[in-house]
Amino acid sequence: MIKTESSHKNSRKRNGELEERCENPWNKRCGNSDIILYIYYKGRRLPICRSCWAEISQKDIEWS
């Protein structure tokens, strides 16, 4: 797991280590820890889980 320089509001400790949680901006209720990638959204680097990425990748979103 890649640890980021800032602590995320959805991070939790597990076995003494920080565990990142998904911060999908289109699904605020997701809290999965199966992070597979990060996106930049509104200037923030957000961890995205496998499930949310499957949904996001199917949307008609323009990436810059």
C-alpha atoms as a PDB file:
ATOM      1  CA  MET A   1       0.000   0.000   0.000  1.00  0.00           C
ATOM      2  CA  ILE A   2       1.277   3.467  -0.853  1.00  0.00           C
ATOM      3  CA  LYS A   3       1.063   5.908   2.017  1.00  0.00           C
ATOM      4  CA  THR A   4       0.420   9.497   1.096  1.00  0.00           C
ATOM      5  CA  GLU A   5       2.017  12.524   2.646  1.00  0.00           C
ATOM      6  CA  SER A   6      -1.255  13.794   4.088  1.00  0.00           C
ATOM      7  CA  SER A   7      -3.680  11.936   6.293  1.00  0.00           C
ATOM      8  CA  HIS A   8      -7.049  11.336   4.683  1.00  0.00           C
ATOM      9  CA  LYS A   9     -10.302  11.626   6.556  1.00  0.00           C
ATOM     10  CA  ASN A  10     -11.098   8.049   5.549  1.00  0.00           C
ATOM     11  CA  SER A  11      -7.863   6.523   6.838  1.00  0.00           C
ATOM     12  CA  ARG A  12      -7.998   4.037   9.692  1.00  0.00           C
ATOM     13  CA  LYS A  13      -5.431   2.136  11.685  1.00  0.00           C
ATOM     14  CA  ARG A  14      -5.254  -1.610  11.253  1.00  0.00           C
ATOM     15  CA  ASN A  15      -2.633  -3.691  13.043  1.00  0.00           C
ATOM     16  CA  GLY A  16      -0.819  -0.489  13.957  1.00  0.00           C
ATOM     17  CA  GLU A  17      -0.578   0.670  10.327  1.00  0.00           C
ATOM     18  CA  LEU A  18      -2.544   3.349   8.546  1.00  0.00           C
ATOM     19  CA  GLU A  19      -5.064   1.820   6.150  1.00  0.00           C
ATOM     20  CA  GLU A  20      -6.338   4.059   3.369  1.00  0.00           C
ATOM     21  CA  ARG A  21      -9.987   4.119   2.439  1.00  0.00           C
ATOM     22  CA  CYS A  22     -11.598   4.974  -0.881  1.00  0.00           C
ATOM     23  CA  GLU A  23     -12.396   8.659  -1.361  1.00  0.00           C
ATOM     24  CA  ASN A  24     -14.491   8.450  -4.510  1.00  0.00           C
ATOM     25  CA  PRO A  25     -15.879  11.990  -5.016  1.00  0.00           C
ATOM     26  CA  TRP A  26     -19.000  10.577  -6.729  1.00  0.00           C
ATOM     27  CA  ASN A  27     -19.712   8.004  -3.990  1.00  0.00           C
ATOM     28  CA  LYS A  28     -18.986   9.593  -0.636  1.00  0.00           C
ATOM     29  CA  ARG A  29     -20.270   6.553   1.288  1.00  0.00           C
ATOM     30  CA  CYS A  30     -17.672   4.122  -0.047  1.00  0.00           C
ATOM     31  CA  GLY A  31     -15.105   3.113   2.526  1.00  0.00           C
ATOM     32  CA  ASN A  32     -13.406   0.170   0.838  1.00  0.00           C
ATOM     33  CA  SER A  33      -9.720  -0.319   1.517  1.00  0.00           C
ATOM     34  CA  ASP A  34      -8.992  -2.187  -1.739  1.00  0.00           C
ATOM     35  CA  ILE A  35      -7.172   0.825  -3.250  1.00  0.00           C
ATOM     36  CA  ILE A  36      -5.948   0.233  -6.796  1.00  0.00           C
ATOM     37  CA  LEU A  37      -5.189   3.751  -8.023  1.00  0.00           C
ATOM     38  CA  TYR A  38      -5.303   7.451  -7.288  1.00  0.00           C
ATOM     39  CA  ILE A  39      -6.979  10.249  -9.206  1.00  0.00           C
ATOM     40  CA  TYR A  40      -6.494  13.983  -8.979  1.00  0.00           C
ATOM     41  CA  TYR A  41      -9.812  15.709  -8.454  1.00  0.00           C
ATOM     42  CA  LYS A  42     -10.110  19.420  -7.680  1.00  0.00           C
ATOM     43  CA  GLY A  43      -6.416  19.545  -6.835  1.00  0.00           C
ATOM     44  CA  ARG A  44      -6.502  16.618  -4.387  1.00  0.00           C
ATOM     45  CA  ARG A  45      -4.963  13.179  -4.804  1.00  0.00           C
ATOM     46  CA  LEU A  46      -7.721  10.703  -3.931  1.00  0.00           C
ATOM     47  CA  PRO A  47      -7.422   6.938  -3.369  1.00  0.00           C
ATOM     48  CA  ILE A  48      -9.944   4.925  -5.397  1.00  0.00           C
ATOM     49  CA  CYS A  49     -10.948   1.315  -4.721  1.00  0.00           C
ATOM     50  CA  ARG A  50     -11.402  -1.426  -7.310  1.00  0.00           C
ATOM     51  CA  SER A  51     -15.207  -1.335  -7.137  1.00  0.00           C
ATOM     52  CA  CYS A  52     -15.478   2.439  -7.555  1.00  0.00           C
ATOM     53  CA  TRP A  53     -12.924   2.464 -10.378  1.00  0.00           C
ATOM     54  CA  ALA A  54     -15.021  -0.094 -12.279  1.00  0.00           C
ATOM     55  CA  GLU A  55     -17.946   2.359 -12.092  1.00  0.00           C
ATOM     56  CA  ILE A  56     -15.910   5.532 -12.759  1.00  0.00           C
ATOM     57  CA  SER A  57     -14.188   4.034 -15.796  1.00  0.00           C
ATOM     58  CA  GLN A  58     -17.575   3.422 -17.443  1.00  0.00           C
ATOM     59  CA  LYS A  59     -18.746   7.041 -17.007  1.00  0.00           C
ATOM     60  CA  ASP A  60     -18.455   9.691 -19.684  1.00  0.00           C
ATOM     61  CA  ILE A  61     -15.944  11.838 -17.784  1.00  0.00           C
ATOM     62  CA  GLU A  62     -13.416  14.073 -19.505  1.00  0.00           C
ATOM     63  CA  TRP A  63      -9.977  13.763 -17.907  1.00  0.00           C
ATOM     64  CA  SER A  64      -7.517  16.581 -18.316  1.00  0.00           C
END
